[in-house]
Amino acid sequence: MARSPSSRRARFVAPVGLLLTLLACEGGEPLSPHPAELTATPVSASGWATRASMPTARGALGVAVVNGILYAVGGAGASSPALATVEAYTPGNDTWESRAPLPEGRSHLNASVIDGILYVAGGLEASGQPTATLYSYDDRSDTWTSKAPMRAAGACGASGVIDGRLYVFTTSCSSAVLGADPAFQRYDPATDSWTELTLPAWGHYLPAGGAAGGKFYLAGGLFETSDPVGNIGQNVESYDPATDAWTTKAKAPSVRYQDAGAVLNGLLYVVGGGTGTEYQALLDVYTPRTNSWRVLSGMPTERGFLGAAALGGRLYAVGGLTLDGYVATNAVYTPHR
């Protein structure tokens, strides 16, 4: 029987009926969230505005931007634990449109863009098993193409692009063993091939991440530890492709996982997530040049398992899970100048 990430603290924050949908991994059973212990986090809407909601409410989705259009890909929803749904948002007219669906449903996937092509790596299939698939999407023809699969299957991680190559960190997404089977891999679209890379020091299960300044970053997430109340990490690491090595960075100001990361103007923004006893609306930003964090104005709505992306000088936070279920929320943050 799958056990909770922590017997006292790091429980997934989700209504009981949604837990199996989100994390029925490795044949594990749904976790018990103890709803009576959940609390609300005060929020400030300064800097945030609400935009048109997605047509499909969902969480554990991938979000990326192709040619000025924001794409929400896959995820878990009320109708399926692994959706193939793809919807595209145009900021100019604040509207969403359907696009060609993924070849197969995926949740907890990784979405990134290289030279105008959207890549979706790994994720969980409907049975809850991690996959190694890689699909590419061409917006000009609205078509998906299968590419070389990853060397190791995985999900519940993060991805980013450095010098035209895709970097993907994953785990098996198992609720029984946090951070089990970690993998860090690089995809080169020029050769349609993968290379396995050095692993980070920490597990980073359901972390935030992204690439900035030629480095790949992982922030927070759950990790396996003998301390039952200490397995939600603030640990931050950066990977340098030139040395194939990781470096420990300043800890994140907030303890959380199930959050989303996006890089805007060379800074890593980390938004939303959960602590195990509450969902959060927090927004933090990391500056690589100074190795420092700042706490910014939180989202209007607390949520985890959301997606995030930078578009037009703004940060978009899309979808996710709240105490009331899956949401289609689309909120945009404009940094203060």
C-alpha atoms as a PDB file:
ATOM      1  CA  MET A   1       0.000   0.000   0.000  1.00  0.00           C
ATOM      2  CA  ALA A   2       1.332   3.424  -0.915  1.00  0.00           C
ATOM      3  CA  ARG A   3       2.115   5.611   2.042  1.00  0.00           C
ATOM      4  CA  SER A   4       1.712   9.324   2.481  1.00  0.00           C
ATOM      5  CA  PRO A   5       4.784  11.471   1.734  1.00  0.00           C
ATOM      6  CA  SER A   6       4.741  12.320   5.417  1.00  0.00           C
ATOM      7  CA  SER A   7       2.668  10.790   8.139  1.00  0.00           C
ATOM      8  CA  ARG A   8       2.260  14.147   9.863  1.00  0.00           C
ATOM      9  CA  ARG A   9       2.723  16.957   7.366  1.00  0.00           C
ATOM     10  CA  ALA A  10       3.371  16.440   3.676  1.00  0.00           C
ATOM     11  CA  ARG A  11      -0.019  15.230   2.590  1.00  0.00           C
ATOM     12  CA  PHE A  12      -1.280  16.078  -0.875  1.00  0.00           C
ATOM     13  CA  VAL A  13      -3.806  18.877  -0.647  1.00  0.00           C
ATOM     14  CA  ALA A  14      -6.733  17.659  -2.703  1.00  0.00           C
ATOM     15  CA  PRO A  15     -10.305  16.576  -2.190  1.00  0.00           C
ATOM     16  CA  VAL A  16     -10.472  12.846  -1.521  1.00  0.00           C
ATOM     17  CA  GLY A  17     -12.293  12.166  -4.769  1.00  0.00           C
ATOM     18  CA  LEU A  18      -9.528  13.782  -6.813  1.00  0.00           C
ATOM     19  CA  LEU A  19      -6.479  12.129  -5.306  1.00  0.00           C
ATOM     20  CA  LEU A  20      -6.670   8.940  -7.313  1.00  0.00           C
ATOM     21  CA  THR A  21      -6.994  10.985 -10.480  1.00  0.00           C
ATOM     22  CA  LEU A  22      -3.871  13.046  -9.749  1.00  0.00           C
ATOM     23  CA  LEU A  23      -1.504  10.526  -8.259  1.00  0.00           C
ATOM     24  CA  ALA A  24      -2.563   6.930  -8.739  1.00  0.00           C
ATOM     25  CA  CYS A  25       1.061   6.197  -9.590  1.00  0.00           C
ATOM     26  CA  GLU A  26       2.946   2.922  -9.477  1.00  0.00           C
ATOM     27  CA  GLY A  27      -0.240   1.130  -8.501  1.00  0.00           C
ATOM     28  CA  GLY A  28      -0.409   3.140  -5.291  1.00  0.00           C
ATOM     29  CA  GLU A  29      -3.581   4.037  -3.428  1.00  0.00           C
ATOM     30  CA  PRO A  30      -4.896   7.573  -3.012  1.00  0.00           C
ATOM     31  CA  LEU A  31      -3.437   9.581  -0.158  1.00  0.00           C
ATOM     32  CA  SER A  32      -5.499  10.879   2.751  1.00  0.00           C
ATOM     33  CA  PRO A  33      -5.548  14.695   2.932  1.00  0.00           C
ATOM     34  CA  HIS A  34      -7.401  15.186   6.261  1.00  0.00           C
ATOM     35  CA  PRO A  35      -9.492  18.135   4.969  1.00  0.00           C
ATOM     36  CA  ALA A  36     -10.226  19.466   8.469  1.00  0.00           C
ATOM     37  CA  GLU A  37      -6.581  20.485   8.791  1.00  0.00           C
ATOM     38  CA  LEU A  38      -6.525  22.512   5.582  1.00  0.00           C
ATOM     39  CA  THR A  39      -6.368  26.291   5.939  1.00  0.00           C
ATOM     40  CA  ALA A  40      -6.693  29.239   3.568  1.00  0.00           C
ATOM     41  CA  THR A  41      -3.796  31.513   2.725  1.00  0.00           C
ATOM     42  CA  PRO A  42      -4.488  35.292   2.676  1.00  0.00           C
ATOM     43  CA  VAL A  43      -3.846  36.752  -0.764  1.00  0.00           C
ATOM     44  CA  SER A  44      -3.205  40.127  -2.325  1.00  0.00           C
ATOM     45  CA  ALA A  45      -4.295  40.729  -5.909  1.00  0.00           C
ATOM     46  CA  SER A  46      -1.809  43.554  -6.488  1.00  0.00           C
ATOM     47  CA  GLY A  47      -0.133  43.087  -9.864  1.00  0.00           C
ATOM     48  CA  TRP A  48      -2.602  40.391 -10.915  1.00  0.00           C
ATOM     49  CA  ALA A  49      -5.546  40.446 -13.311  1.00  0.00           C
ATOM     50  CA  THR A  50      -8.017  37.765 -14.364  1.00  0.00           C
ATOM     51  CA  ARG A  51      -8.316  36.772 -18.006  1.00  0.00           C
ATOM     52  CA  ALA A  52     -10.649  34.444 -19.907  1.00  0.00           C
ATOM     53  CA  SER A  53     -10.771  30.984 -18.333  1.00  0.00           C
ATOM     54  CA  MET A  54      -9.761  27.863 -20.222  1.00  0.00           C
ATOM     55  CA  PRO A  55     -12.649  25.939 -21.794  1.00  0.00           C
ATOM     56  CA  THR A  56     -11.502  22.832 -19.861  1.00  0.00           C
ATOM     57  CA  ALA A  57     -10.872  22.864 -16.113  1.00  0.00           C
ATOM     58  CA  ARG A  58      -7.779  20.798 -15.295  1.00  0.00           C
ATOM     59  CA  GLY A  59      -4.586  20.499 -13.301  1.00  0.00           C
ATOM     60  CA  ALA A  60      -1.183  18.805 -13.691  1.00  0.00           C
ATOM     61  CA  LEU A  61      -1.048  20.294 -17.197  1.00  0.00           C
ATOM     62  CA  GLY A  62       1.761  21.632 -19.355  1.00  0.00           C
ATOM     63  CA  VAL A  63       1.831  25.294 -20.384  1.00  0.00           C
ATOM     64  CA  ALA A  64       4.120  26.848 -23.006  1.00  0.00           C
ATOM     65  CA  VAL A  65       4.170  29.697 -25.521  1.00  0.00           C
ATOM     66  CA  VAL A  66       4.525  29.280 -29.287  1.00  0.00           C
ATOM     67  CA  ASN A  67       4.696  32.350 -31.529  1.00  0.00           C
ATOM     68  CA  GLY A  68       2.835  34.586 -29.093  1.00  0.00           C
ATOM     69  CA  ILE A  69       0.119  32.045 -28.300  1.00  0.00           C
ATOM     70  CA  LEU A  70      -0.158  30.271 -24.935  1.00  0.00           C
ATOM     71  CA  TYR A  71      -0.839  26.533 -25.123  1.00  0.00           C
ATOM     72  CA  ALA A  72      -2.399  24.506 -22.295  1.00  0.00           C
ATOM     73  CA  VAL A  73      -1.618  20.837 -22.913  1.00  0.00           C
ATOM     74  CA  GLY A  74      -2.961  17.663 -21.342  1.00  0.00           C
ATOM     75  CA  GLY A  75      -3.413  17.381 -17.588  1.00  0.00           C
ATOM     76  CA  ALA A  76      -5.906  15.693 -15.269  1.00  0.00           C
ATOM     77  CA  GLY A  77      -9.575  16.666 -15.151  1.00  0.00           C
ATOM     78  CA  ALA A  78     -12.909  15.533 -13.858  1.00  0.00           C
ATOM     79  CA  SER A  79     -13.453  13.390 -16.948  1.00  0.00           C
ATOM     80  CA  SER A  80     -10.040  11.697 -17.097  1.00  0.00           C
ATOM     81  CA  PRO A  81      -6.782  11.315 -15.134  1.00  0.00           C
ATOM     82  CA  ALA A  82      -4.857  11.886 -18.371  1.00  0.00           C
ATOM     83  CA  LEU A  83      -6.328  14.313 -20.876  1.00  0.00           C
ATOM     84  CA  ALA A  84      -5.231  14.759 -24.481  1.00  0.00           C
ATOM     85  CA  THR A  85      -6.867  18.212 -24.591  1.00  0.00           C
ATOM     86  CA  VAL A  86      -4.938  21.109 -26.134  1.00  0.00           C
ATOM     87  CA  GLU A  87      -6.272  24.672 -25.942  1.00  0.00           C
ATOM     88  CA  ALA A  88      -4.618  27.857 -27.186  1.00  0.00           C
ATOM     89  CA  TYR A  89      -4.976  31.332 -25.690  1.00  0.00           C
ATOM     90  CA  THR A  90      -4.522  34.567 -27.657  1.00  0.00           C
ATOM     91  CA  PRO A  91      -3.827  37.531 -25.332  1.00  0.00           C
ATOM     92  CA  GLY A  92      -4.776  40.158 -27.909  1.00  0.00           C
ATOM     93  CA  ASN A  93      -8.446  39.196 -27.965  1.00  0.00           C
ATOM     94  CA  ASP A  94      -8.533  37.265 -24.662  1.00  0.00           C
ATOM     95  CA  THR A  95      -9.934  34.099 -26.256  1.00  0.00           C
ATOM     96  CA  TRP A  96      -9.268  30.357 -26.251  1.00  0.00           C
ATOM     97  CA  GLU A  97      -9.497  27.917 -29.146  1.00  0.00           C
ATOM     98  CA  SER A  98      -9.150  24.133 -29.378  1.00  0.00           C
ATOM     99  CA  ARG A  99      -6.136  22.656 -31.140  1.00  0.00           C
ATOM    100  CA  ALA A 100      -5.253  19.144 -32.279  1.00  0.00           C
ATOM    101  CA  PRO A 101      -5.186  16.866 -29.221  1.00  0.00           C
ATOM    102  CA  LEU A 102      -2.137  15.000 -28.011  1.00  0.00           C
ATOM    103  CA  PRO A 103      -1.723  11.550 -29.576  1.00  0.00           C
ATOM    104  CA  GLU A 104      -2.321  10.125 -26.076  1.00  0.00           C
ATOM    105  CA  GLY A 105      -3.601  11.582 -22.827  1.00  0.00           C
ATOM    106  CA  ARG A 106      -0.948  12.775 -20.380  1.00  0.00           C
ATOM    107  CA  SER A 107      -0.820  14.432 -16.971  1.00  0.00           C
ATOM    108  CA  HIS A 108       2.216  15.737 -15.050  1.00  0.00           C
ATOM    109  CA  LEU A 109       3.964  16.216 -18.407  1.00  0.00           C
ATOM    110  CA  ASN A 110       6.769  18.606 -19.359  1.00  0.00           C
ATOM    111  CA  ALA A 111       6.184  21.240 -22.051  1.00  0.00           C
ATOM    112  CA  SER A 112       8.866  23.460 -23.626  1.00  0.00           C
ATOM    113  CA  VAL A 113       9.466  25.230 -26.945  1.00  0.00           C
ATOM    114  CA  ILE A 114      12.498  25.117 -29.250  1.00  0.00           C
ATOM    115  CA  ASP A 115      12.581  27.252 -32.401  1.00  0.00           C
ATOM    116  CA  GLY A 116       8.809  27.578 -32.533  1.00  0.00           C
ATOM    117  CA  ILE A 117       8.135  23.867 -31.999  1.00  0.00           C
ATOM    118  CA  LEU A 118       6.366  22.687 -28.845  1.00  0.00           C
ATOM    119  CA  TYR A 119       7.787  19.576 -27.194  1.00  0.00           C
ATOM    120  CA  VAL A 120       5.883  17.457 -24.658  1.00  0.00           C
ATOM    121  CA  ALA A 121       8.034  14.953 -22.774  1.00  0.00           C
ATOM    122  CA  GLY A 122       6.973  12.119 -20.496  1.00  0.00           C
ATOM    123  CA  GLY A 123       4.028  12.358 -18.129  1.00  0.00           C
ATOM    124  CA  LEU A 124       1.557   9.898 -16.688  1.00  0.00           C
ATOM    125  CA  GLU A 125      -0.792   7.861 -18.831  1.00  0.00           C
ATOM    126  CA  ALA A 126      -4.361   7.121 -17.754  1.00  0.00           C
ATOM    127  CA  SER A 127      -3.272   4.082 -15.721  1.00  0.00           C
ATOM    128  CA  GLY A 128      -0.954   6.282 -13.660  1.00  0.00           C
ATOM    129  CA  GLN A 129       2.221   4.820 -15.138  1.00  0.00           C
ATOM    130  CA  PRO A 130       5.052   7.150 -16.220  1.00  0.00           C
ATOM    131  CA  THR A 131       5.888   7.290 -19.919  1.00  0.00           C
ATOM    132  CA  ALA A 132       8.975   8.038 -21.996  1.00  0.00           C
ATOM    133  CA  THR A 133       7.179   9.511 -25.006  1.00  0.00           C
ATOM    134  CA  LEU A 134       8.205  12.731 -26.715  1.00  0.00           C
ATOM    135  CA  TYR A 135       5.798  14.550 -29.008  1.00  0.00           C
ATOM    136  CA  SER A 136       6.418  17.687 -31.044  1.00  0.00           C
ATOM    137  CA  TYR A 137       3.730  20.125 -32.170  1.00  0.00           C
ATOM    138  CA  ASP A 138       3.889  22.383 -35.224  1.00  0.00           C
ATOM    139  CA  ASP A 139       1.395  25.238 -34.940  1.00  0.00           C
ATOM    140  CA  ARG A 140       1.545  25.946 -38.680  1.00  0.00           C
ATOM    141  CA  SER A 141      -0.034  22.607 -39.531  1.00  0.00           C
ATOM    142  CA  ASP A 142      -1.704  21.953 -36.147  1.00  0.00           C
ATOM    143  CA  THR A 143      -0.142  18.490 -36.047  1.00  0.00           C
ATOM    144  CA  TRP A 144       1.721  16.319 -33.557  1.00  0.00           C
ATOM    145  CA  THR A 145       4.703  14.091 -34.395  1.00  0.00           C
ATOM    146  CA  SER A 146       6.280  11.309 -32.341  1.00  0.00           C
ATOM    147  CA  LYS A 147       9.990  11.773 -31.634  1.00  0.00           C
ATOM    148  CA  ALA A 148      12.658   9.593 -30.044  1.00  0.00           C
ATOM    149  CA  PRO A 149      11.476   8.542 -26.573  1.00  0.00           C
ATOM    150  CA  MET A 150      13.359   9.472 -23.443  1.00  0.00           C
ATOM    151  CA  ARG A 151      15.845   6.893 -22.177  1.00  0.00           C
ATOM    152  CA  ALA A 152      14.014   6.786 -18.857  1.00  0.00           C
ATOM    153  CA  ALA A 153      10.269   7.151 -18.369  1.00  0.00           C
ATOM    154  CA  GLY A 154       9.157   9.807 -15.909  1.00  0.00           C
ATOM    155  CA  ALA A 155       6.845  12.624 -14.860  1.00  0.00           C
ATOM    156  CA  CYS A 156       6.238  15.065 -11.980  1.00  0.00           C
ATOM    157  CA  GLY A 157       9.297  17.139 -12.817  1.00  0.00           C
ATOM    158  CA  ALA A 158      10.299  20.218 -14.820  1.00  0.00           C
ATOM    159  CA  SER A 159      11.882  21.163 -18.137  1.00  0.00           C
ATOM    160  CA  GLY A 160      13.677  24.027 -19.869  1.00  0.00           C
ATOM    161  CA  VAL A 161      15.597  24.928 -23.012  1.00  0.00           C
ATOM    162  CA  ILE A 162      19.267  25.918 -23.225  1.00  0.00           C
ATOM    163  CA  ASP A 163      21.051  26.571 -26.536  1.00  0.00           C
ATOM    164  CA  GLY A 164      18.385  24.811 -28.585  1.00  0.00           C
ATOM    165  CA  ARG A 165      18.313  21.665 -26.456  1.00  0.00           C
ATOM    166  CA  LEU A 166      15.599  20.383 -24.162  1.00  0.00           C
ATOM    167  CA  TYR A 167      16.470  19.539 -20.528  1.00  0.00           C
ATOM    168  CA  VAL A 168      13.990  17.351 -18.659  1.00  0.00           C
ATOM    169  CA  PHE A 169      14.032  16.288 -14.998  1.00  0.00           C
ATOM    170  CA  THR A 170      11.572  13.567 -13.933  1.00  0.00           C
ATOM    171  CA  THR A 171      10.830  10.943 -11.298  1.00  0.00           C
ATOM    172  CA  SER A 172       8.611   7.874 -11.426  1.00  0.00           C
ATOM    173  CA  CYS A 173       5.922  10.047  -9.790  1.00  0.00           C
ATOM    174  CA  SER A 174       5.402   7.361  -7.160  1.00  0.00           C
ATOM    175  CA  SER A 175       3.541   8.304  -3.997  1.00  0.00           C
ATOM    176  CA  ALA A 176       5.087   5.270  -2.284  1.00  0.00           C
ATOM    177  CA  VAL A 177       8.708   6.420  -2.579  1.00  0.00           C
ATOM    178  CA  LEU A 178       9.209  10.154  -3.050  1.00  0.00           C
ATOM    179  CA  GLY A 179      11.573  11.047  -5.856  1.00  0.00           C
ATOM    180  CA  ALA A 180      11.984   7.402  -6.891  1.00  0.00           C
ATOM    181  CA  ASP A 181      13.803   6.735 -10.165  1.00  0.00           C
ATOM    182  CA  PRO A 182      14.980  10.298 -10.823  1.00  0.00           C
ATOM    183  CA  ALA A 183      16.257  11.046 -14.305  1.00  0.00           C
ATOM    184  CA  PHE A 184      17.798  14.102 -15.903  1.00  0.00           C
ATOM    185  CA  GLN A 185      18.006  13.973 -19.675  1.00  0.00           C
ATOM    186  CA  ARG A 186      18.808  16.243 -22.614  1.00  0.00           C
ATOM    187  CA  TYR A 187      17.163  16.089 -26.007  1.00  0.00           C
ATOM    188  CA  ASP A 188      18.830  17.402 -29.168  1.00  0.00           C
ATOM    189  CA  PRO A 189      16.260  18.037 -31.932  1.00  0.00           C
ATOM    190  CA  ALA A 190      19.035  18.185 -34.551  1.00  0.00           C
ATOM    191  CA  THR A 191      19.807  14.499 -34.017  1.00  0.00           C
ATOM    192  CA  ASP A 192      16.493  13.373 -32.462  1.00  0.00           C
ATOM    193  CA  SER A 193      18.452  11.796 -29.610  1.00  0.00           C
ATOM    194  CA  TRP A 194      18.681  11.835 -25.816  1.00  0.00           C
ATOM    195  CA  THR A 195      21.636  11.984 -23.408  1.00  0.00           C
ATOM    196  CA  GLU A 196      21.474  11.078 -19.718  1.00  0.00           C
ATOM    197  CA  LEU A 197      23.003  13.700 -17.431  1.00  0.00           C
ATOM    198  CA  THR A 198      24.204  14.008 -13.828  1.00  0.00           C
ATOM    199  CA  LEU A 199      21.403  13.953 -11.261  1.00  0.00           C
ATOM    200  CA  PRO A 200      20.784  16.753  -8.742  1.00  0.00           C
ATOM    201  CA  ALA A 201      21.484  16.149  -5.067  1.00  0.00           C
ATOM    202  CA  TRP A 202      17.829  16.330  -3.976  1.00  0.00           C
ATOM    203  CA  GLY A 203      14.714  14.449  -5.064  1.00  0.00           C
ATOM    204  CA  HIS A 204      12.667  17.457  -6.250  1.00  0.00           C
ATOM    205  CA  TYR A 205       9.360  15.576  -6.548  1.00  0.00           C
ATOM    206  CA  LEU A 206       6.760  17.979  -8.053  1.00  0.00           C
ATOM    207  CA  PRO A 207       9.134  20.983  -8.094  1.00  0.00           C
ATOM    208  CA  ALA A 208       9.187  24.259  -9.977  1.00  0.00           C
ATOM    209  CA  GLY A 209      11.887  24.704 -12.587  1.00  0.00           C
ATOM    210  CA  GLY A 210      13.125  26.390 -15.718  1.00  0.00           C
ATOM    211  CA  ALA A 211      16.149  27.580 -17.661  1.00  0.00           C
ATOM    212  CA  ALA A 212      17.692  31.047 -17.210  1.00  0.00           C
ATOM    213  CA  GLY A 213      21.064  32.490 -18.140  1.00  0.00           C
ATOM    214  CA  GLY A 214      22.315  29.241 -19.630  1.00  0.00           C
ATOM    215  CA  LYS A 215      21.557  27.237 -16.471  1.00  0.00           C
ATOM    216  CA  PHE A 216      18.716  24.886 -15.553  1.00  0.00           C
ATOM    217  CA  TYR A 217      17.065  25.373 -12.150  1.00  0.00           C
ATOM    218  CA  LEU A 218      15.032  23.146  -9.847  1.00  0.00           C
ATOM    219  CA  ALA A 219      13.330  24.702  -6.828  1.00  0.00           C
ATOM    220  CA  GLY A 220      11.673  22.891  -3.939  1.00  0.00           C
ATOM    221  CA  GLY A 221       9.539  19.807  -4.227  1.00  0.00           C
ATOM    222  CA  LEU A 222       9.233  16.780  -1.975  1.00  0.00           C
ATOM    223  CA  PHE A 223      12.126  14.438  -1.226  1.00  0.00           C
ATOM    224  CA  GLU A 224      12.628  11.239   0.727  1.00  0.00           C
ATOM    225  CA  THR A 225      13.899  11.726   4.283  1.00  0.00           C
ATOM    226  CA  SER A 226      13.806  10.027   7.659  1.00  0.00           C
ATOM    227  CA  ASP A 227      12.372  13.234   9.138  1.00  0.00           C
ATOM    228  CA  PRO A 228       8.567  12.874   8.831  1.00  0.00           C
ATOM    229  CA  VAL A 229       7.983  16.648   8.948  1.00  0.00           C
ATOM    230  CA  GLY A 230      10.929  17.799   6.878  1.00  0.00           C
ATOM    231  CA  ASN A 231      10.385  16.416   3.415  1.00  0.00           C
ATOM    232  CA  ILE A 232       9.033  19.520   1.713  1.00  0.00           C
ATOM    233  CA  GLY A 233      12.147  21.218   0.441  1.00  0.00           C
ATOM    234  CA  GLN A 234      13.215  24.792  -0.062  1.00  0.00           C
ATOM    235  CA  ASN A 235      16.315  23.441  -1.764  1.00  0.00           C
ATOM    236  CA  VAL A 236      17.343  25.105  -5.021  1.00  0.00           C
ATOM    237  CA  GLU A 237      19.915  23.740  -7.441  1.00  0.00           C
ATOM    238  CA  SER A 238      21.274  24.908 -10.785  1.00  0.00           C
ATOM    239  CA  TYR A 239      22.758  22.774 -13.538  1.00  0.00           C
ATOM    240  CA  ASP A 240      25.587  23.967 -15.786  1.00  0.00           C
ATOM    241  CA  PRO A 241      25.700  22.164 -19.160  1.00  0.00           C
ATOM    242  CA  ALA A 242      29.350  23.153 -19.601  1.00  0.00           C
ATOM    243  CA  THR A 243      30.434  21.088 -16.595  1.00  0.00           C
ATOM    244  CA  ASP A 244      27.553  18.583 -16.277  1.00  0.00           C
ATOM    245  CA  ALA A 245      27.373  19.550 -12.593  1.00  0.00           C
ATOM    246  CA  TRP A 246      24.840  20.938 -10.112  1.00  0.00           C
ATOM    247  CA  THR A 247      25.373  23.808  -7.663  1.00  0.00           C
ATOM    248  CA  THR A 248      23.358  24.545  -4.526  1.00  0.00           C
ATOM    249  CA  LYS A 249      21.731  27.986  -4.562  1.00  0.00           C
ATOM    250  CA  ALA A 250      19.957  30.213  -2.043  1.00  0.00           C
ATOM    251  CA  LYS A 251      16.956  28.467  -0.550  1.00  0.00           C
ATOM    252  CA  ALA A 252      13.502  29.474  -1.710  1.00  0.00           C
ATOM    253  CA  PRO A 253      11.606  31.684   0.760  1.00  0.00           C
ATOM    254  CA  SER A 254       8.594  29.367   0.861  1.00  0.00           C
ATOM    255  CA  VAL A 255       8.248  25.673   1.648  1.00  0.00           C
ATOM    256  CA  ARG A 256       6.037  24.117  -1.010  1.00  0.00           C
ATOM    257  CA  TYR A 257       5.584  21.726  -3.910  1.00  0.00           C
ATOM    258  CA  GLN A 258       2.918  21.166  -6.618  1.00  0.00           C
ATOM    259  CA  ASP A 259       3.870  24.676  -7.826  1.00  0.00           C
ATOM    260  CA  ALA A 260       4.859  25.985 -11.254  1.00  0.00           C
ATOM    261  CA  GLY A 261       7.919  27.790 -12.562  1.00  0.00           C
ATOM    262  CA  ALA A 262       8.432  30.147 -15.499  1.00  0.00           C
ATOM    263  CA  VAL A 263      11.297  32.358 -16.636  1.00  0.00           C
ATOM    264  CA  LEU A 264      10.520  35.992 -17.413  1.00  0.00           C
ATOM    265  CA  ASN A 265      13.201  38.573 -18.241  1.00  0.00           C
ATOM    266  CA  GLY A 266      15.913  36.204 -17.061  1.00  0.00           C
ATOM    267  CA  LEU A 267      14.284  35.655 -13.647  1.00  0.00           C
ATOM    268  CA  LEU A 268      12.719  32.441 -12.336  1.00  0.00           C
ATOM    269  CA  TYR A 269       9.183  32.941 -11.025  1.00  0.00           C
ATOM    270  CA  VAL A 270       7.642  30.290  -8.758  1.00  0.00           C
ATOM    271  CA  VAL A 271       3.883  30.447  -8.294  1.00  0.00           C
ATOM    272  CA  GLY A 272       1.202  28.596  -6.331  1.00  0.00           C
ATOM    273  CA  GLY A 273       1.629  25.106  -4.930  1.00  0.00           C
ATOM    274  CA  GLY A 274       0.950  23.465  -1.601  1.00  0.00           C
ATOM    275  CA  THR A 275       2.556  22.765   1.760  1.00  0.00           C
ATOM    276  CA  GLY A 276       0.729  19.567   2.539  1.00  0.00           C
ATOM    277  CA  THR A 277      -1.821  21.316   4.754  1.00  0.00           C
ATOM    278  CA  GLU A 278      -2.904  24.131   2.440  1.00  0.00           C
ATOM    279  CA  TYR A 279      -2.836  25.370  -1.107  1.00  0.00           C
ATOM    280  CA  GLN A 280      -1.006  28.632  -1.630  1.00  0.00           C
ATOM    281  CA  ALA A 281      -1.252  31.709  -3.835  1.00  0.00           C
ATOM    282  CA  LEU A 282       2.362  32.727  -3.278  1.00  0.00           C
ATOM    283  CA  LEU A 283       4.600  34.232  -5.944  1.00  0.00           C
ATOM    284  CA  ASP A 284       8.373  34.302  -5.447  1.00  0.00           C
ATOM    285  CA  VAL A 285      11.077  35.362  -7.903  1.00  0.00           C
ATOM    286  CA  TYR A 286      14.724  34.268  -8.088  1.00  0.00           C
ATOM    287  CA  THR A 287      17.483  36.449  -9.564  1.00  0.00           C
ATOM    288  CA  PRO A 288      20.385  34.281 -10.798  1.00  0.00           C
ATOM    289  CA  ARG A 289      22.842  37.211 -10.942  1.00  0.00           C
ATOM    290  CA  THR A 290      22.557  37.895  -7.211  1.00  0.00           C
ATOM    291  CA  ASN A 291      21.497  34.397  -6.094  1.00  0.00           C
ATOM    292  CA  SER A 292      18.611  35.946  -4.190  1.00  0.00           C
ATOM    293  CA  TRP A 293      14.832  35.637  -3.814  1.00  0.00           C
ATOM    294  CA  ARG A 294      12.014  38.159  -3.431  1.00  0.00           C
ATOM    295  CA  VAL A 295       8.438  37.595  -2.317  1.00  0.00           C
ATOM    296  CA  LEU A 296       5.869  39.226  -4.608  1.00  0.00           C
ATOM    297  CA  SER A 297       2.104  39.700  -4.558  1.00  0.00           C
ATOM    298  CA  GLY A 298       0.210  36.430  -4.447  1.00  0.00           C
ATOM    299  CA  MET A 299      -2.394  35.220  -6.931  1.00  0.00           C
ATOM    300  CA  PRO A 300      -6.081  35.992  -6.412  1.00  0.00           C
ATOM    301  CA  THR A 301      -6.734  32.248  -5.889  1.00  0.00           C
ATOM    302  CA  GLU A 302      -4.808  29.597  -3.972  1.00  0.00           C
ATOM    303  CA  ARG A 303      -4.103  26.566  -6.154  1.00  0.00           C
ATOM    304  CA  GLY A 304      -1.608  23.809  -6.846  1.00  0.00           C
ATOM    305  CA  PHE A 305      -0.852  21.548  -9.822  1.00  0.00           C
ATOM    306  CA  LEU A 306      -1.082  24.621 -12.092  1.00  0.00           C
ATOM    307  CA  GLY A 307       0.883  25.588 -15.189  1.00  0.00           C
ATOM    308  CA  ALA A 308       2.833  28.797 -15.788  1.00  0.00           C
ATOM    309  CA  ALA A 309       4.485  30.568 -18.710  1.00  0.00           C
ATOM    310  CA  ALA A 310       5.849  33.983 -19.662  1.00  0.00           C
ATOM    311  CA  LEU A 311       4.213  35.872 -22.536  1.00  0.00           C
ATOM    312  CA  GLY A 312       4.418  39.503 -23.594  1.00  0.00           C
ATOM    313  CA  GLY A 313       6.389  40.568 -20.524  1.00  0.00           C
ATOM    314  CA  ARG A 314       3.817  39.020 -18.170  1.00  0.00           C
ATOM    315  CA  LEU A 315       3.461  35.823 -16.175  1.00  0.00           C
ATOM    316  CA  TYR A 316       0.421  33.616 -16.802  1.00  0.00           C
ATOM    317  CA  ALA A 317      -0.777  31.097 -14.198  1.00  0.00           C
ATOM    318  CA  VAL A 318      -3.254  28.651 -15.704  1.00  0.00           C
ATOM    319  CA  GLY A 319      -5.499  25.905 -14.363  1.00  0.00           C
ATOM    320  CA  GLY A 320      -4.744  23.821 -11.290  1.00  0.00           C
ATOM    321  CA  LEU A 321      -6.470  22.321  -8.298  1.00  0.00           C
ATOM    322  CA  THR A 322      -8.194  24.029  -5.359  1.00  0.00           C
ATOM    323  CA  LEU A 323     -10.069  22.662  -2.368  1.00  0.00           C
ATOM    324  CA  ASP A 324     -13.188  22.785  -4.550  1.00  0.00           C
ATOM    325  CA  GLY A 325     -11.700  20.795  -7.428  1.00  0.00           C
ATOM    326  CA  TYR A 326     -10.117  21.451 -10.802  1.00  0.00           C
ATOM    327  CA  VAL A 327     -10.196  25.011 -12.098  1.00  0.00           C
ATOM    328  CA  ALA A 328      -9.933  26.696 -15.494  1.00  0.00           C
ATOM    329  CA  THR A 329      -8.553  29.920 -13.993  1.00  0.00           C
ATOM    330  CA  ASN A 330      -6.273  32.106 -16.108  1.00  0.00           C
ATOM    331  CA  ALA A 331      -4.545  34.863 -14.137  1.00  0.00           C
ATOM    332  CA  VAL A 332      -1.819  37.200 -15.396  1.00  0.00           C
ATOM    333  CA  TYR A 333       0.847  38.985 -13.357  1.00  0.00           C
ATOM    334  CA  THR A 334       2.511  42.170 -14.578  1.00  0.00           C
ATOM    335  CA  PRO A 335       5.858  42.825 -12.859  1.00  0.00           C
ATOM    336  CA  HIS A 336       6.250  46.249 -11.261  1.00  0.00           C
ATOM    337  CA  ARG A 337       8.646  48.428 -13.218  1.00  0.00           C
END
